Structure formats: C-alpha cells, structure tokens
C-alpha cells in the first residue's frame, strides 16, 4: 500500500453522518494551509475560486494543466487528504476525463468532484448515459493507478432548477443511483437546502450525501441529523475574501481611509504559517 492509497482510505472513512466531513473549500496554497491549521480533517478545492485566482471564469474555462498544477501545489502544502473539484472533467470525451483523473491522482489528490452540468450544451445537464460513461472512465483511471479515488458525483438538478419541483427529487435520485452504479462513491447535490428535501435525498441515495452550505443553510449539526455525510462551503469563502478586496479598494478610492482592513490576519502569522 502507498501513502496515497492510505490517505484515500482515510478520506473515505471521514464521510460519516454522525460527524459530517465539513469542508471550507480552498483555492490556493495559503487558503489550504489556513484551513488545515483550524484542524480540518481534509482539504477540498473550489473550482470557482481556483479559476478566479488563475484568471479564468468558472464553468470549464480553466486550462487543465493550470488546474492540475494548482492541485499539486495544494497537496504539497498540506498533510491531510485533498479532494479536487474538476468541474465536468476538463475534457469533451470520457477518455479525456480519464486522462484528467490520471493527472489528478499523479498530483497527489485522493478525491474528485465531477459535475453533470453541461456548459454550453443544448440542455443544462448531460444525458445520464453520457455522464455515466464519464464517471466510469474516471473510476477506470483510478483503478489503473491503484488508488481508491473518492468520486463525488455532482447532480445539478437543484442548482439549475431542472424540471418541475414535483419531478426534481425523482430525477435527482435516478441520476444519483445511475452514477453510483457507474463507479461514483458519493453524491453531491448543491442547491438543495430544504430540510425535507435533504432528508429525502439521504434516505433515497445509498451512499454518502454531500450538501452545499452557506448563509441561510441548516447548520452542520442539523444536517447530521438529516443523514448528511459531507458539508461543503464551495465558493463562499473565496467570494467573501474577494468581497474584502472590493470593499478595501472602494474605500481607498472614495474616502482615502482603510477601515475595511480591520481584523486582517497578521503578516508574521501568515508568513510563519507558510514556512515548511
């Protein structure tokens, strides 16, 4: 067994509704190290934050090589398991998704998020069969690498308000089960924040369920009672950080003052945190 294999097994074990894996998603080495320093049991990247930080828009517009380089940098910065958000796989075909996953594993990550949203497609989501093919390719690449990769299959039915409210839950459950059959480990349903819906999801999906949280969402303790195994802040932390940038820049340009920077982390603390 390799250290990466052991790390992957540990990451799998962290998905427990009794003590949900709470992930404050990072987007660069410094944010990853800050999250780890709080006692986080794992690090997850946010595709949106990563893309913005590298000068691209979210939504499969980031160059794959840049994304892989960032994953490697994060892995090399922290000592806990790292799972990477790879959007829809940085590839038009299943074989390209497999190549992405091989590179993600080579970079040291032990988990991925892969979404079924279809940027620029004729419909908001990929057909189920097509997404299953992509997930199966990801699983095959992981098997070939000898790493039990945690594949978190993202179902965007709620995030993109696909179909009617009456049919959305069943569509989500159908997709989730198909993705699990194709090789996914868990299911991520961003956009689902209603407690009754979440309870239906955890009851109907025979695998760990991941919920996206932010202001107004149920607490981790409440989600635990609903059977949720993983909780993610997604791009919220990056958005909050960039809000500070805009507030500080606006204040400097308009009033010439600097009160927006009150509460900033100390330079020496941050610098020391980044020492090897």
Protein backbone atom coordinates (compact mmCIF):
# COMPACT_ATOMS: atom_id res chain seq x y z
CA UNK A 1 0.00 0.00 0.00
CA UNK A 2 1.19 3.52 -0.75
CA UNK A 3 0.78 6.60 1.40
CA UNK A 4 -1.67 7.96 -1.17
CA UNK A 5 -3.70 4.73 -1.01
CA UNK A 6 -3.86 5.03 2.78
CA UNK A 7 -4.84 8.70 2.52
CA UNK A 8 -7.65 7.78 0.12
CA UNK A 9 -8.96 5.15 2.51
CA UNK A 10 -8.86 7.67 5.35
CA UNK A 11 -10.78 10.17 3.23
CA UNK A 12 -13.48 7.59 2.53
CA UNK A 13 -13.84 6.92 6.26
CA UNK A 14 -14.36 10.60 7.03
CA UNK A 15 -17.79 10.52 5.35
CA UNK A 16 -19.94 9.75 8.38
CA UNK A 17 -23.35 11.33 9.08
CA UNK A 18 -22.65 11.01 12.81
CA UNK A 19 -19.80 13.51 12.35
CA UNK A 20 -20.11 15.03 8.85
CA UNK A 21 -16.95 15.96 6.99
CA UNK A 22 -17.08 19.79 6.99
CA UNK A 23 -15.07 21.34 4.16
CA UNK A 24 -14.17 25.03 3.92
CA UNK A 25 -13.08 24.91 0.29
CA UNK A 26 -9.67 26.37 -0.54
CA UNK A 27 -8.45 27.87 -3.80
CA UNK A 28 -4.69 28.24 -3.34
CA UNK A 29 -1.86 27.04 -1.12
CA UNK A 30 -2.30 29.74 1.51
CA UNK A 31 -6.05 29.22 1.92
CA UNK A 32 -5.46 25.46 2.11
CA UNK A 33 -2.85 25.88 4.83
CA UNK A 34 -5.14 28.23 6.75
CA UNK A 35 -7.99 25.72 6.60
CA UNK A 36 -5.71 22.89 7.70
CA UNK A 37 -4.48 24.98 10.65
CA UNK A 38 -8.03 25.10 12.04
CA UNK A 39 -7.90 21.32 12.49
CA UNK A 40 -9.67 20.42 9.26
CA UNK A 41 -9.58 16.70 8.55
CA UNK A 42 -9.29 17.19 4.78
CA UNK A 43 -8.95 19.90 2.17
CA UNK A 44 -11.30 20.41 -0.77
CA UNK A 45 -10.71 22.84 -3.58
CA UNK A 46 -13.39 25.06 -5.09
CA UNK A 47 -13.36 25.11 -8.89
CA UNK A 48 -14.76 28.63 -8.97
CA UNK A 49 -12.17 30.00 -6.54
CA UNK A 50 -9.35 28.21 -8.35
CA UNK A 51 -10.48 29.53 -11.73
CA UNK A 52 -10.88 33.11 -10.49
CA UNK A 53 -7.49 33.03 -8.77
CA UNK A 54 -5.88 31.86 -12.01
CA UNK A 55 -7.59 34.50 -14.12
CA UNK A 56 -10.38 32.43 -15.66
CA UNK A 57 -14.15 32.19 -15.29
CA UNK A 58 -15.69 29.14 -13.66
CA UNK A 59 -17.53 26.71 -15.90
CA UNK A 60 -14.95 24.55 -17.67
CA UNK A 61 -12.97 27.51 -18.97
CA UNK A 62 -9.81 26.90 -16.98
CA UNK A 63 -6.88 25.22 -18.69
CA UNK A 64 -6.44 21.67 -17.40
CA UNK A 65 -2.69 22.00 -16.94
CA UNK A 66 -3.19 25.06 -14.76
CA UNK A 67 -5.80 23.24 -12.69
CA UNK A 68 -3.54 20.23 -12.18
CA UNK A 69 -0.60 22.43 -11.19
CA UNK A 70 -2.77 24.12 -8.56
CA UNK A 71 -3.91 20.75 -7.18
CA UNK A 72 -0.29 19.62 -6.89
CA UNK A 73 0.62 22.84 -5.08
CA UNK A 74 -2.19 22.37 -2.56
CA UNK A 75 -1.31 18.71 -1.98
CA UNK A 76 2.32 19.63 -1.38
CA UNK A 77 1.31 22.35 1.10
CA UNK A 78 -0.87 20.31 3.46
CA UNK A 79 -0.60 16.97 5.24
CA UNK A 80 -4.29 15.95 5.18
CA UNK A 81 -6.16 14.29 2.29
CA UNK A 82 -7.02 16.57 -0.64
CA UNK A 83 -10.05 16.28 -2.90
CA UNK A 84 -10.17 18.35 -6.09
CA UNK A 85 -13.14 19.89 -7.84
CA UNK A 86 -12.51 19.13 -11.53
CA UNK A 87 -15.76 20.68 -12.82
CA UNK A 88 -17.02 18.31 -15.54
CA UNK A 89 -13.65 16.66 -16.00
CA UNK A 90 -11.74 19.12 -18.21
CA UNK A 91 -12.45 17.04 -21.28
CA UNK A 92 -15.01 16.71 -24.04
CA UNK A 93 -14.87 12.92 -24.07
CA UNK A 94 -14.79 10.15 -21.50
CA UNK A 95 -11.21 9.29 -22.46
CA UNK A 96 -10.19 12.90 -21.82
CA UNK A 97 -11.86 12.73 -18.41
CA UNK A 98 -9.84 9.59 -17.70
CA UNK A 99 -6.63 11.44 -18.58
CA UNK A 100 -7.63 14.31 -16.27
CA UNK A 101 -8.23 11.89 -13.42
CA UNK A 102 -4.91 10.15 -14.01
CA UNK A 103 -3.19 13.53 -13.75
CA UNK A 104 -5.17 14.50 -10.62
CA UNK A 105 -4.05 11.29 -8.94
CA UNK A 106 -0.47 11.84 -10.07
CA UNK A 107 -0.70 15.29 -8.45
CA UNK A 108 -1.49 13.57 -5.15
CA UNK A 109 -5.24 14.11 -4.69
CA UNK A 110 -7.41 11.28 -3.34
CA UNK A 111 -10.85 12.56 -4.33
CA UNK A 112 -12.65 14.47 -7.04
CA UNK A 113 -15.91 16.28 -7.63
CA UNK A 114 -17.29 15.79 -11.13
CA UNK A 115 -20.48 17.54 -12.20
CA UNK A 116 -23.18 16.65 -14.71
CA UNK A 117 -23.83 20.26 -15.73
CA UNK A 118 -23.32 20.77 -19.44
CA UNK A 119 -21.80 24.20 -20.06
CA UNK A 120 -22.82 25.38 -23.50
CA UNK A 121 -24.92 22.30 -24.20
CA UNK A 122 -28.46 22.21 -25.53
CA UNK A 123 -29.72 21.21 -22.08
CA UNK A 124 -28.44 22.22 -18.63
CA UNK A 125 -27.38 18.66 -17.73
CA UNK A 126 -25.62 15.93 -19.67
CA UNK A 127 -27.69 12.88 -20.60
CA UNK A 128 -27.45 10.25 -17.85
CA UNK A 129 -25.78 7.66 -20.09
CA UNK A 130 -23.12 10.15 -21.17
CA UNK A 131 -22.36 11.19 -17.59
CA UNK A 132 -22.20 7.56 -16.51
CA UNK A 133 -19.62 6.92 -19.22
CA UNK A 134 -17.51 9.79 -17.90
CA UNK A 135 -17.75 8.57 -14.31
CA UNK A 136 -16.88 5.02 -15.38
CA UNK A 137 -13.82 6.39 -17.19
CA UNK A 138 -12.77 8.23 -14.05
CA UNK A 139 -13.15 5.05 -11.99
CA UNK A 140 -11.18 3.04 -14.51
CA UNK A 141 -8.34 5.57 -14.43
CA UNK A 142 -8.26 5.41 -10.64
CA UNK A 143 -8.24 1.62 -10.66
CA UNK A 144 -5.34 1.62 -13.11
CA UNK A 145 -3.45 3.97 -10.78
CA UNK A 146 -4.16 1.69 -7.81
CA UNK A 147 -5.83 4.46 -5.80
CA UNK A 148 -9.35 4.07 -4.31
CA UNK A 149 -10.33 7.53 -5.51
CA UNK A 150 -13.39 9.09 -3.85
CA UNK A 151 -15.59 10.14 -6.77
CA UNK A 152 -18.16 12.66 -5.60
CA UNK A 153 -20.75 12.76 -8.38
CA UNK A 154 -22.41 16.15 -8.50
CA UNK A 155 -26.07 16.26 -9.56
CA UNK A 156 -27.07 19.78 -10.60
CA UNK A 157 -30.82 19.31 -10.77
CA UNK A 158 -31.49 21.61 -7.81
CA UNK A 159 -28.70 24.08 -8.50
CA UNK A 160 -30.00 24.64 -12.03
CA UNK A 161 -33.69 24.14 -11.19
CA UNK A 162 -34.06 21.37 -13.76
CA UNK A 163 -37.64 20.28 -14.39
CA UNK A 164 -40.58 20.97 -12.12
CA UNK A 165 -40.41 20.88 -8.34
CA UNK A 166 -42.65 17.82 -8.44
CA UNK A 167 -40.24 15.80 -10.61
CA UNK A 168 -36.89 17.20 -9.44
CA UNK A 169 -36.41 14.88 -6.48
CA UNK A 170 -37.03 11.72 -8.52
CA UNK A 171 -34.75 12.96 -11.30
CA UNK A 172 -32.03 13.56 -8.72
CA UNK A 173 -32.44 10.11 -7.17
CA UNK A 174 -32.44 8.43 -10.57
CA UNK A 175 -29.26 10.22 -11.60
CA UNK A 176 -27.60 9.54 -8.27
CA UNK A 177 -28.23 5.81 -8.45
CA UNK A 178 -27.04 5.63 -12.05
CA UNK A 179 -23.84 7.48 -11.19
CA UNK A 180 -23.20 5.17 -8.24
CA UNK A 181 -23.67 2.15 -10.49
CA UNK A 182 -21.14 3.70 -12.89
CA UNK A 183 -18.48 3.93 -10.19
CA UNK A 184 -19.17 7.02 -8.09
CA UNK A 185 -18.54 6.84 -4.35
CA UNK A 186 -20.83 9.59 -3.09
CA UNK A 187 -23.32 12.12 -4.39
CA UNK A 188 -23.20 15.92 -4.18
CA UNK A 189 -26.48 17.82 -4.58
CA UNK A 190 -25.77 21.57 -4.48
CA UNK A 191 -28.80 23.82 -4.31
CA UNK A 192 -30.77 21.52 -2.00
CA UNK A 193 -31.20 23.37 1.29
CA UNK A 194 -34.74 22.48 2.38
CA UNK A 195 -34.62 20.06 5.29
CA UNK A 196 -37.41 17.84 3.94
CA UNK A 197 -35.71 17.56 0.55
CA UNK A 198 -32.37 16.78 2.14
CA UNK A 199 -33.95 14.05 4.27
CA UNK A 200 -35.48 12.53 1.13
CA UNK A 201 -32.09 12.61 -0.56
CA UNK A 202 -30.21 10.89 2.26
CA UNK A 203 -32.96 8.28 2.55
CA UNK A 204 -33.09 7.62 -1.18
CA UNK A 205 -29.38 7.64 -2.05
CA UNK A 206 -27.48 4.53 -0.88
CA UNK A 207 -24.18 6.40 -0.46
CA UNK A 208 -22.75 9.41 1.39
CA UNK A 209 -24.58 12.63 0.51
CA UNK A 210 -22.81 15.99 0.22
CA UNK A 211 -24.70 19.27 0.66
CA UNK A 212 -23.52 22.75 -0.29
CA UNK A 213 -23.96 25.24 2.54
CA UNK A 214 -23.73 28.96 3.08
CA UNK A 215 -25.71 31.74 4.75
CA UNK A 216 -29.24 30.53 5.46
CA UNK A 217 -28.49 26.81 5.12
CA UNK A 218 -29.02 24.37 8.02
CA UNK A 219 -26.12 24.02 10.44
CA UNK A 220 -23.72 21.07 10.32
CA UNK A 221 -25.41 19.64 13.41
CA UNK A 222 -28.83 19.89 11.77
CA UNK A 223 -27.53 18.30 8.57
CA UNK A 224 -26.02 15.47 10.58
CA UNK A 225 -29.47 14.69 11.98
CA UNK A 226 -30.77 14.62 8.41
CA UNK A 227 -28.20 11.99 7.45
CA UNK A 228 -25.76 14.19 5.53
CA UNK A 229 -22.20 12.84 5.49
CA UNK A 230 -20.37 15.79 3.94
CA UNK A 231 -20.86 19.56 4.06
CA UNK A 232 -19.11 21.99 1.72
CA UNK A 233 -18.81 25.77 1.67
CA UNK A 234 -17.99 25.69 -2.05
CA UNK A 235 -17.03 29.09 -3.43
CA UNK A 236 -18.47 31.02 -0.47
CA UNK A 237 -15.11 31.55 1.27
CA UNK A 238 -13.44 32.77 -1.92
CA UNK A 239 -16.39 35.08 -2.59
CA UNK A 240 -16.12 36.51 0.92
CA UNK A 241 -12.38 37.06 0.50
CA UNK A 242 -12.88 38.89 -2.78
CA UNK A 243 -15.59 41.00 -1.17
CA UNK A 244 -12.91 42.29 1.23
CA UNK A 245 -10.77 43.23 -1.77
CA UNK A 246 -13.58 45.25 -3.30
CA UNK A 247 -14.55 46.94 -0.03
CA UNK A 248 -10.96 47.94 0.71
CA UNK A 249 -10.30 49.17 -2.81
CA UNK A 250 -13.56 51.13 -2.91
CA UNK A 251 -12.87 52.73 0.46
CA UNK A 252 -9.34 53.68 -0.57
CA UNK A 253 -10.57 55.21 -3.84
CA UNK A 254 -13.50 57.11 -2.35
CA UNK A 255 -12.68 58.20 1.18
CA UNK A 256 -8.96 57.52 1.32
CA UNK A 257 -9.38 55.50 4.52
CA UNK A 258 -8.62 51.89 5.43
CA UNK A 259 -11.16 50.69 7.98
CA UNK A 260 -12.17 47.78 5.74
CA UNK A 261 -8.87 46.13 6.61
CA UNK A 262 -9.57 45.92 10.33
CA UNK A 263 -9.38 42.35 11.50
CA UNK A 264 -6.87 41.29 8.84
CA UNK A 265 -4.59 38.39 9.66
CA UNK A 266 -1.19 39.40 10.97
CA UNK A 267 1.62 39.37 8.39
CA UNK A 268 4.00 37.41 10.62
CA UNK A 269 1.33 34.84 11.43
CA UNK A 270 0.60 34.24 7.78
CA UNK A 271 4.24 34.18 6.80
CA UNK A 272 5.08 31.73 9.57
CA UNK A 273 2.17 29.52 8.51
CA UNK A 274 3.68 29.16 5.04
CA UNK A 275 7.13 28.11 6.30
CA UNK A 276 7.92 24.47 5.55
